[in-house]
């Protein structure tokens, strides 16, 4: 039996072609079956995780309310200590830098903000939110009115969801 899969110079060319074609097809078929048969940890899990999706969506909407109210305490609670954000202006921010910026109420104010196209994907103890954010703000004394696309990453730490990373890119 084992010789079927070993090279045998006596086999005819036709038989070799059949075996070499059959063997890869069998392996590919087996791989595809295994791929779809088992759970896929990278596929977004929304069925059975409606509570996670709702929790993250609520946090995103709470963040808009916090922005409008200038509520830095919300971000103190929500953001992981090593949180970072890549902003649409090309700047990276840490949690400490964001909180310092928010404390300067003369140079930061959200006039309006609206999220749209919010989609949350849950992956066990990790979740990702993508959305469009349309805002009118004063930041560092500079007026900005833009629509950006954004991605926020959350990890469940203990019993709380913490935002660990965020990124925004301006739309055209």
N, C-alpha and C. Protein backbone atom coordinates (compact mmCIF):
# COMPACT_ATOMS: atom_id res chain seq x y z
N UNK A 1 0.81 -1.19 0.00
CA UNK A 1 0.00 0.00 0.00
C UNK A 1 0.86 1.26 0.00
N UNK A 2 1.90 1.34 0.81
CA UNK A 2 2.70 2.54 0.91
C UNK A 2 3.38 2.87 -0.38
N UNK A 3 3.62 1.86 -1.26
CA UNK A 3 4.32 2.10 -2.53
C UNK A 3 3.46 2.90 -3.49
N UNK A 4 2.17 2.93 -3.31
CA UNK A 4 1.32 3.73 -4.20
C UNK A 4 1.74 5.20 -4.19
N UNK A 5 2.19 5.68 -3.06
CA UNK A 5 2.53 7.09 -2.92
C UNK A 5 4.01 7.37 -3.09
N UNK A 6 4.80 6.32 -3.26
CA UNK A 6 6.23 6.50 -3.50
C UNK A 6 6.48 6.50 -5.00
N UNK A 7 7.58 7.10 -5.42
CA UNK A 7 7.94 7.13 -6.84
C UNK A 7 8.36 5.73 -7.26
N UNK A 8 7.77 5.21 -8.33
CA UNK A 8 8.11 3.89 -8.86
C UNK A 8 8.43 4.06 -10.33
N UNK A 9 9.70 3.94 -10.73
CA UNK A 9 10.06 4.18 -12.13
C UNK A 9 9.45 3.17 -13.08
N UNK A 10 8.92 2.08 -12.58
CA UNK A 10 8.34 1.07 -13.44
C UNK A 10 6.91 1.44 -13.82
N UNK A 11 6.21 2.26 -13.04
CA UNK A 11 4.84 2.65 -13.35
C UNK A 11 4.81 3.34 -14.71
N UNK A 12 3.71 3.18 -15.41
CA UNK A 12 3.57 3.86 -16.70
C UNK A 12 3.40 5.35 -16.47
N UNK A 13 3.70 6.14 -17.51
CA UNK A 13 3.55 7.59 -17.43
C UNK A 13 2.10 7.95 -17.13
N UNK A 14 1.16 7.24 -17.76
CA UNK A 14 -0.26 7.52 -17.54
C UNK A 14 -0.64 7.27 -16.08
N UNK A 15 -0.14 6.17 -15.53
CA UNK A 15 -0.44 5.83 -14.14
C UNK A 15 0.17 6.87 -13.19
N UNK A 16 1.38 7.35 -13.51
CA UNK A 16 2.03 8.38 -12.68
C UNK A 16 1.24 9.67 -12.72
N UNK A 17 0.77 10.07 -13.91
CA UNK A 17 -0.02 11.29 -14.03
C UNK A 17 -1.29 11.18 -13.21
N UNK A 18 -1.92 9.99 -13.27
CA UNK A 18 -3.16 9.78 -12.52
C UNK A 18 -2.91 9.90 -11.02
N UNK A 19 -1.83 9.30 -10.56
CA UNK A 19 -1.53 9.32 -9.13
C UNK A 19 -1.13 10.73 -8.68
N UNK A 20 -0.30 11.41 -9.46
CA UNK A 20 0.14 12.72 -9.03
C UNK A 20 -1.01 13.73 -9.09
N UNK A 21 -1.92 13.57 -10.03
CA UNK A 21 -3.08 14.46 -10.10
C UNK A 21 -4.08 14.12 -9.01
N UNK A 22 -4.26 12.85 -8.76
CA UNK A 22 -5.25 12.42 -7.76
C UNK A 22 -4.81 12.79 -6.35
N UNK A 23 -3.57 12.61 -6.06
CA UNK A 23 -3.07 12.86 -4.72
C UNK A 23 -3.24 14.33 -4.32
N UNK A 24 -2.80 15.32 -5.11
CA UNK A 24 -3.01 16.72 -4.72
C UNK A 24 -4.48 17.09 -4.61
N UNK A 25 -5.30 16.57 -5.51
CA UNK A 25 -6.73 16.86 -5.44
C UNK A 25 -7.31 16.31 -4.14
N UNK A 26 -6.89 15.12 -3.76
CA UNK A 26 -7.37 14.54 -2.51
C UNK A 26 -6.95 15.39 -1.32
N UNK A 27 -5.69 15.81 -1.33
CA UNK A 27 -5.19 16.63 -0.22
C UNK A 27 -5.89 17.99 -0.17
N UNK A 28 -6.09 18.61 -1.31
CA UNK A 28 -6.78 19.89 -1.36
C UNK A 28 -8.21 19.74 -0.88
N UNK A 29 -8.87 18.66 -1.33
CA UNK A 29 -10.25 18.41 -0.91
C UNK A 29 -10.32 18.21 0.60
N UNK A 30 -9.39 17.43 1.13
CA UNK A 30 -9.35 17.19 2.57
C UNK A 30 -9.13 18.50 3.33
N UNK A 31 -8.23 19.34 2.83
CA UNK A 31 -7.96 20.63 3.46
C UNK A 31 -9.21 21.52 3.47
N UNK A 32 -9.89 21.59 2.33
CA UNK A 32 -11.09 22.43 2.24
C UNK A 32 -12.17 21.93 3.18
N UNK A 33 -12.35 20.62 3.26
CA UNK A 33 -13.35 20.05 4.17
C UNK A 33 -12.99 20.39 5.61
N UNK A 34 -11.71 20.22 5.96
CA UNK A 34 -11.27 20.53 7.33
C UNK A 34 -11.43 22.01 7.64
N UNK A 35 -11.16 22.86 6.66
CA UNK A 35 -11.28 24.30 6.86
C UNK A 35 -12.70 24.71 7.22
N UNK A 36 -13.67 24.14 6.53
CA UNK A 36 -15.06 24.52 6.79
C UNK A 36 -15.72 23.70 7.88
N UNK A 37 -15.16 22.57 8.23
CA UNK A 37 -15.78 21.71 9.24
C UNK A 37 -15.54 22.24 10.65
N UNK A 38 -14.37 22.77 10.91
CA UNK A 38 -14.04 23.23 12.25
C UNK A 38 -14.39 24.67 12.44
N UNK A 39 -14.40 25.14 13.70
CA UNK A 39 -14.66 26.56 13.94
C UNK A 39 -13.53 27.40 13.39
N UNK A 40 -13.88 28.53 12.86
CA UNK A 40 -12.89 29.43 12.27
C UNK A 40 -12.72 30.62 13.21
N UNK A 41 -11.60 30.70 13.95
CA UNK A 41 -11.45 31.77 14.93
C UNK A 41 -11.29 33.15 14.33
N UNK A 42 -10.99 33.26 13.04
CA UNK A 42 -10.83 34.58 12.45
C UNK A 42 -12.11 35.11 11.82
N UNK A 43 -13.13 34.27 11.69
CA UNK A 43 -14.40 34.73 11.13
C UNK A 43 -15.16 35.51 12.20
N UNK A 44 -15.78 36.59 11.79
CA UNK A 44 -16.55 37.40 12.73
C UNK A 44 -17.66 36.57 13.34
N UNK A 45 -17.76 36.62 14.64
CA UNK A 45 -18.78 35.86 15.35
C UNK A 45 -19.87 36.82 15.81
N UNK A 46 -20.99 36.79 15.13
CA UNK A 46 -22.10 37.64 15.56
C UNK A 46 -23.24 36.80 16.11
N UNK A 47 -23.43 35.58 15.60
CA UNK A 47 -24.46 34.71 16.13
C UNK A 47 -24.01 34.25 17.51
N UNK A 48 -24.86 34.38 18.51
CA UNK A 48 -24.50 33.98 19.87
C UNK A 48 -23.71 35.04 20.61
N UNK A 49 -23.30 36.10 19.94
CA UNK A 49 -22.54 37.17 20.58
C UNK A 49 -23.26 38.50 20.46
N UNK A 50 -24.57 38.44 20.36
CA UNK A 50 -25.35 39.68 20.23
C UNK A 50 -25.10 40.60 21.42
N UNK A 51 -24.87 40.01 22.60
CA UNK A 51 -24.59 40.83 23.78
C UNK A 51 -23.27 41.58 23.65
N UNK A 52 -22.26 40.97 23.06
CA UNK A 52 -20.97 41.63 22.85
C UNK A 52 -21.13 42.75 21.83
N UNK A 53 -21.81 42.44 20.73
CA UNK A 53 -22.04 43.44 19.68
C UNK A 53 -22.78 44.64 20.27
N UNK A 54 -23.81 44.38 21.07
CA UNK A 54 -24.58 45.47 21.68
C UNK A 54 -23.72 46.26 22.67
N UNK A 55 -22.91 45.57 23.45
CA UNK A 55 -22.06 46.26 24.44
C UNK A 55 -21.06 47.19 23.76
N UNK A 56 -20.44 46.74 22.69
CA UNK A 56 -19.45 47.57 21.98
C UNK A 56 -20.15 48.73 21.28
N UNK A 57 -21.29 48.46 20.65
CA UNK A 57 -22.06 49.53 20.00
C UNK A 57 -22.45 50.60 21.02
N UNK A 58 -22.86 50.16 22.21
CA UNK A 58 -23.20 51.12 23.27
C UNK A 58 -21.98 51.95 23.68
N UNK A 59 -20.83 51.31 23.80
CA UNK A 59 -19.61 52.05 24.15
C UNK A 59 -19.26 53.09 23.09
N UNK A 60 -19.43 52.72 21.82
CA UNK A 60 -19.14 53.68 20.74
C UNK A 60 -20.10 54.88 20.82
N UNK A 61 -21.37 54.62 21.07
CA UNK A 61 -22.34 55.71 21.18
C UNK A 61 -22.12 56.53 22.46
N UNK A 62 -21.69 55.86 23.53
CA UNK A 62 -21.35 56.58 24.76
C UNK A 62 -20.15 57.49 24.54
N UNK A 63 -19.22 57.07 23.68
CA UNK A 63 -18.04 57.89 23.38
C UNK A 63 -18.45 59.18 22.68
N UNK A 64 -19.45 59.10 21.81
CA UNK A 64 -19.95 60.32 21.15
C UNK A 64 -20.52 61.27 22.20
N UNK A 65 -21.32 60.73 23.10
CA UNK A 65 -21.89 61.57 24.17
C UNK A 65 -20.78 62.17 25.04
N UNK A 66 -19.74 61.37 25.32
CA UNK A 66 -18.62 61.88 26.12
C UNK A 66 -17.88 62.99 25.38
N UNK A 67 -17.71 62.83 24.07
CA UNK A 67 -17.06 63.87 23.28
C UNK A 67 -17.85 65.17 23.34
N UNK A 68 -19.16 65.07 23.16
CA UNK A 68 -20.02 66.27 23.17
C UNK A 68 -20.03 66.95 24.54
N UNK A 69 -19.90 66.15 25.60
CA UNK A 69 -19.90 66.69 26.96
C UNK A 69 -18.50 67.05 27.46
N UNK A 70 -17.46 66.69 26.70
CA UNK A 70 -16.09 66.94 27.17
C UNK A 70 -15.75 66.08 28.37
N UNK A 71 -16.28 64.85 28.42
CA UNK A 71 -16.16 63.95 29.56
C UNK A 71 -14.90 63.10 29.48
N UNK A 72 -13.80 63.60 30.02
CA UNK A 72 -12.53 62.87 30.01
C UNK A 72 -12.59 61.64 30.92
N UNK A 73 -13.43 61.66 31.95
CA UNK A 73 -13.54 60.53 32.88
C UNK A 73 -14.03 59.27 32.15
N UNK A 74 -14.87 59.47 31.14
CA UNK A 74 -15.33 58.32 30.36
C UNK A 74 -14.14 57.62 29.71
N UNK A 75 -13.23 58.40 29.12
CA UNK A 75 -12.06 57.82 28.46
C UNK A 75 -11.06 57.25 29.46
N UNK A 76 -11.00 57.83 30.65
CA UNK A 76 -10.15 57.27 31.71
C UNK A 76 -10.58 55.84 32.01
N UNK A 77 -11.90 55.60 32.02
CA UNK A 77 -12.44 54.26 32.30
C UNK A 77 -12.36 53.33 31.09
N UNK A 78 -12.65 53.84 29.89
CA UNK A 78 -12.77 53.01 28.70
C UNK A 78 -11.43 52.54 28.14
N UNK A 79 -10.45 53.40 28.12
CA UNK A 79 -9.20 53.10 27.43
C UNK A 79 -8.24 52.28 28.28
N UNK A 80 -7.63 51.27 27.65
CA UNK A 80 -6.58 50.49 28.32
C UNK A 80 -5.40 51.42 28.56
N UNK A 81 -4.59 51.11 29.55
CA UNK A 81 -3.46 51.97 29.90
C UNK A 81 -2.48 52.15 28.73
N UNK A 82 -2.32 51.12 27.89
CA UNK A 82 -1.38 51.22 26.77
C UNK A 82 -2.09 51.53 25.44
N UNK A 83 -3.28 52.11 25.52
CA UNK A 83 -4.06 52.47 24.33
C UNK A 83 -3.27 53.42 23.44
N UNK A 84 -3.47 53.27 22.12
CA UNK A 84 -2.91 54.22 21.16
C UNK A 84 -3.95 54.50 20.08
N UNK A 85 -3.83 55.67 19.48
CA UNK A 85 -4.68 56.04 18.35
C UNK A 85 -3.82 56.64 17.26
N UNK A 86 -4.03 56.16 16.06
CA UNK A 86 -3.46 56.78 14.88
C UNK A 86 -4.53 57.69 14.32
N UNK A 87 -4.29 58.99 14.35
CA UNK A 87 -5.31 59.96 13.97
C UNK A 87 -5.24 60.28 12.49
N UNK A 88 -6.33 60.83 11.97
CA UNK A 88 -6.41 61.16 10.55
C UNK A 88 -5.43 62.27 10.14
N UNK A 89 -4.89 62.98 11.12
CA UNK A 89 -3.90 64.02 10.78
C UNK A 89 -2.47 63.49 10.82
N UNK A 90 -2.32 62.18 11.01
CA UNK A 90 -0.99 61.57 11.00
C UNK A 90 -0.31 61.53 12.35
N UNK A 91 -1.06 61.81 13.42
CA UNK A 91 -0.50 61.84 14.77
C UNK A 91 -0.90 60.58 15.53
N UNK A 92 0.04 60.04 16.30
CA UNK A 92 -0.29 58.98 17.24
C UNK A 92 -0.50 59.60 18.61
N UNK A 93 -1.52 59.12 19.33
CA UNK A 93 -1.82 59.58 20.68
C UNK A 93 -1.79 58.40 21.63
N UNK A 94 -1.31 58.66 22.86
CA UNK A 94 -1.42 57.69 23.94
C UNK A 94 -2.60 58.10 24.81
N UNK A 95 -2.97 57.24 25.74
CA UNK A 95 -4.05 57.57 26.66
C UNK A 95 -3.70 58.83 27.45
N UNK A 96 -2.49 58.91 27.96
CA UNK A 96 -2.08 60.08 28.76
C UNK A 96 -2.16 61.36 27.92
N UNK A 97 -1.73 61.29 26.66
CA UNK A 97 -1.77 62.47 25.80
C UNK A 97 -3.21 62.90 25.51
N UNK A 98 -4.09 61.93 25.28
CA UNK A 98 -5.49 62.27 25.03
C UNK A 98 -6.12 62.92 26.26
N UNK A 99 -5.89 62.34 27.43
CA UNK A 99 -6.47 62.91 28.65
C UNK A 99 -5.93 64.31 28.93
N UNK A 100 -4.64 64.55 28.67
CA UNK A 100 -4.07 65.88 28.83
C UNK A 100 -4.71 66.86 27.84
N UNK A 101 -4.89 66.41 26.62
CA UNK A 101 -5.53 67.25 25.60
C UNK A 101 -6.96 67.60 26.01
N UNK A 102 -7.69 66.62 26.52
CA UNK A 102 -9.09 66.86 26.93
C UNK A 102 -9.19 67.78 28.14
N UNK A 103 -8.14 67.82 28.95
CA UNK A 103 -8.15 68.70 30.13
C UNK A 103 -8.03 70.17 29.74
N UNK A 104 -7.53 70.45 28.55
CA UNK A 104 -7.37 71.82 28.07
C UNK A 104 -8.66 72.25 27.36
N UNK A 105 -9.68 72.55 28.13
CA UNK A 105 -11.02 72.81 27.58
C UNK A 105 -11.09 74.06 26.70
N UNK A 106 -10.09 74.94 26.77
CA UNK A 106 -10.08 76.10 25.88
C UNK A 106 -9.70 75.71 24.46
N UNK A 107 -8.98 74.60 24.32
CA UNK A 107 -8.46 74.21 23.01
C UNK A 107 -9.05 72.90 22.47
N UNK A 108 -10.07 72.39 23.13
CA UNK A 108 -10.75 71.21 22.60
C UNK A 108 -12.24 71.32 22.92
N UNK A 109 -13.05 71.13 21.89
CA UNK A 109 -14.49 71.16 22.07
C UNK A 109 -15.13 70.48 20.87
N UNK A 110 -16.05 69.56 21.15
CA UNK A 110 -16.79 68.91 20.07
C UNK A 110 -18.09 69.66 19.88
N UNK A 111 -18.27 70.24 18.71
CA UNK A 111 -19.51 70.97 18.39
C UNK A 111 -20.61 70.03 17.92
N UNK A 112 -20.22 69.04 17.12
CA UNK A 112 -21.18 68.02 16.67
C UNK A 112 -20.42 66.77 16.30
N UNK A 113 -21.11 65.64 16.39
CA UNK A 113 -20.50 64.36 16.03
C UNK A 113 -21.61 63.35 15.78
N UNK A 114 -21.44 62.56 14.73
CA UNK A 114 -22.42 61.54 14.40
C UNK A 114 -21.71 60.33 13.81
N UNK A 115 -22.03 59.15 14.34
CA UNK A 115 -21.50 57.90 13.79
C UNK A 115 -22.50 57.34 12.79
N UNK A 116 -21.99 56.70 11.76
CA UNK A 116 -22.84 55.98 10.81
C UNK A 116 -22.11 54.71 10.37
N UNK A 117 -22.85 53.81 9.79
CA UNK A 117 -22.30 52.56 9.26
C UNK A 117 -21.52 51.78 10.33
N UNK A 118 -21.98 51.83 11.57
CA UNK A 118 -21.31 51.12 12.66
C UNK A 118 -21.49 49.61 12.48
N UNK A 119 -20.38 48.90 12.49
CA UNK A 119 -20.41 47.45 12.39
C UNK A 119 -19.46 46.90 13.45
N UNK A 120 -19.94 45.97 14.24
CA UNK A 120 -19.14 45.37 15.31
C UNK A 120 -18.96 43.89 15.00
N UNK A 121 -17.73 43.44 15.12
CA UNK A 121 -17.40 42.03 14.94
C UNK A 121 -16.82 41.53 16.26
N UNK A 122 -17.32 40.41 16.72
CA UNK A 122 -16.84 39.84 17.98
C UNK A 122 -16.04 38.58 17.71
N UNK A 123 -14.91 38.47 18.41
CA UNK A 123 -14.01 37.32 18.29
C UNK A 123 -13.64 36.86 19.70
N UNK A 124 -14.56 36.22 20.39
CA UNK A 124 -14.28 35.78 21.76
C UNK A 124 -14.12 36.98 22.67
N UNK A 125 -12.92 37.16 23.25
CA UNK A 125 -12.65 38.27 24.17
C UNK A 125 -12.12 39.51 23.46
N UNK A 126 -12.25 39.54 22.14
CA UNK A 126 -11.80 40.68 21.35
C UNK A 126 -12.94 41.11 20.45
N UNK A 127 -13.05 42.40 20.21
CA UNK A 127 -14.08 42.91 19.30
C UNK A 127 -13.50 44.08 18.52
N UNK A 128 -14.07 44.28 17.35
CA UNK A 128 -13.63 45.37 16.49
C UNK A 128 -14.85 46.13 16.02
N UNK A 129 -14.77 47.44 16.08
CA UNK A 129 -15.85 48.29 15.59
C UNK A 129 -15.31 49.13 14.45
N UNK A 130 -16.05 49.16 13.34
CA UNK A 130 -15.72 50.03 12.22
C UNK A 130 -16.91 50.94 11.98
N UNK A 131 -16.63 52.18 11.56
CA UNK A 131 -17.71 53.15 11.38
C UNK A 131 -17.20 54.38 10.65
N UNK A 132 -18.15 55.21 10.24
CA UNK A 132 -17.83 56.55 9.75
C UNK A 132 -18.17 57.51 10.87
N UNK A 133 -17.34 58.49 11.06
CA UNK A 133 -17.51 59.50 12.11
C UNK A 133 -17.48 60.87 11.44
N UNK A 134 -18.59 61.57 11.51
CA UNK A 134 -18.68 62.93 10.97
C UNK A 134 -18.69 63.88 12.15
N UNK A 135 -17.73 64.79 12.18
CA UNK A 135 -17.61 65.67 13.35
C UNK A 135 -17.20 67.08 12.97
N UNK A 136 -17.47 67.95 13.92
CA UNK A 136 -17.05 69.35 13.85
C UNK A 136 -16.45 69.64 15.22
N UNK A 137 -15.14 69.81 15.28
CA UNK A 137 -14.48 70.00 16.58
C UNK A 137 -13.45 71.13 16.52
N UNK A 138 -13.09 71.56 17.70
CA UNK A 138 -11.95 72.43 17.90
C UNK A 138 -10.94 71.55 18.65
N UNK A 139 -9.77 71.35 18.07
CA UNK A 139 -8.74 70.52 18.71
C UNK A 139 -7.39 71.23 18.59
N UNK A 140 -6.72 71.39 19.70
CA UNK A 140 -5.46 72.13 19.77
C UNK A 140 -5.64 73.53 19.19
N UNK A 141 -6.82 74.09 19.39
CA UNK A 141 -7.13 75.42 18.91
C UNK A 141 -7.43 75.49 17.42
N UNK A 142 -7.45 74.35 16.74
CA UNK A 142 -7.68 74.29 15.30
C UNK A 142 -9.07 73.71 15.00
N UNK A 143 -9.82 74.38 14.14
CA UNK A 143 -11.14 73.90 13.76
C UNK A 143 -11.02 72.78 12.73
N UNK A 144 -11.73 71.67 12.97
CA UNK A 144 -11.76 70.57 12.01
C UNK A 144 -13.21 70.11 11.84
N UNK A 145 -13.61 69.98 10.61
CA UNK A 145 -14.92 69.43 10.27
C UNK A 145 -14.68 68.40 9.18
N UNK A 146 -14.78 67.13 9.52
CA UNK A 146 -14.43 66.05 8.60
C UNK A 146 -15.38 64.88 8.77
N UNK A 147 -15.27 63.97 7.81
CA UNK A 147 -15.81 62.62 7.96
C UNK A 147 -14.63 61.69 7.82
N UNK A 148 -14.48 60.80 8.77
CA UNK A 148 -13.39 59.82 8.74
C UNK A 148 -13.98 58.42 8.80
N UNK A 149 -13.18 57.46 8.37
CA UNK A 149 -13.51 56.06 8.66
C UNK A 149 -12.62 55.67 9.82
N UNK A 150 -13.16 54.86 10.71
CA UNK A 150 -12.42 54.53 11.93
C UNK A 150 -12.56 53.05 12.28
N UNK A 151 -11.56 52.55 12.96
CA UNK A 151 -11.56 51.20 13.49
C UNK A 151 -11.11 51.28 14.94
N UNK A 152 -11.92 50.70 15.83
CA UNK A 152 -11.57 50.62 17.25
C UNK A 152 -11.47 49.14 17.63
N UNK A 153 -10.45 48.80 18.39
CA UNK A 153 -10.25 47.43 18.84
C UNK A 153 -10.45 47.37 20.35
N UNK A 154 -11.24 46.40 20.78
CA UNK A 154 -11.57 46.21 22.19
C UNK A 154 -11.14 44.83 22.65
N UNK A 155 -10.72 44.74 23.91
CA UNK A 155 -10.40 43.46 24.54
C UNK A 155 -11.13 43.42 25.88
N UNK A 156 -11.71 42.26 26.18
CA UNK A 156 -12.37 42.11 27.48
C UNK A 156 -11.30 41.79 28.51
N UNK A 157 -11.14 42.70 29.46
CA UNK A 157 -10.15 42.55 30.52
C UNK A 157 -10.93 42.43 31.81
N UNK A 158 -10.87 41.26 32.42
CA UNK A 158 -11.72 40.99 33.58
C UNK A 158 -13.16 40.96 33.10
N UNK A 159 -13.99 41.80 33.68
CA UNK A 159 -15.40 41.86 33.28
C UNK A 159 -15.71 43.08 32.42
N UNK A 160 -14.68 43.86 32.08
CA UNK A 160 -14.91 45.10 31.34
C UNK A 160 -14.28 45.06 29.95
N UNK A 161 -14.96 45.70 29.01
CA UNK A 161 -14.40 45.91 27.69
C UNK A 161 -13.54 47.16 27.71
N UNK A 162 -12.30 47.03 27.25
CA UNK A 162 -11.37 48.16 27.19
C UNK A 162 -10.97 48.36 25.73
N UNK A 163 -10.94 49.62 25.33
CA UNK A 163 -10.45 49.93 24.00
C UNK A 163 -8.93 49.94 24.07
N UNK A 164 -8.29 49.16 23.19
CA UNK A 164 -6.83 49.05 23.22
C UNK A 164 -6.17 49.79 22.07
N UNK A 165 -6.92 50.03 20.99
CA UNK A 165 -6.35 50.74 19.85
C UNK A 165 -7.47 51.38 19.03
N UNK A 166 -7.12 52.44 18.34
CA UNK A 166 -8.06 53.14 17.49
C UNK A 166 -7.29 53.74 16.32
N UNK A 167 -7.97 53.83 15.19
CA UNK A 167 -7.34 54.44 14.03
C UNK A 167 -8.41 55.14 13.21
N UNK A 168 -8.10 56.32 12.70
CA UNK A 168 -9.02 57.05 11.86
C UNK A 168 -8.31 57.56 10.62
N UNK A 169 -9.00 57.48 9.48
CA UNK A 169 -8.46 57.99 8.22
C UNK A 169 -9.51 58.85 7.55
N UNK A 170 -9.09 60.00 7.07
CA UNK A 170 -10.03 60.91 6.42
C UNK A 170 -10.53 60.32 5.11
N UNK A 171 -11.83 60.51 4.85
CA UNK A 171 -12.43 60.05 3.61
C UNK A 171 -12.29 61.15 2.57
N UNK A 172 -12.40 60.80 1.35
CA UNK A 172 -12.33 61.77 0.26
C UNK A 172 -13.72 62.12 -0.21
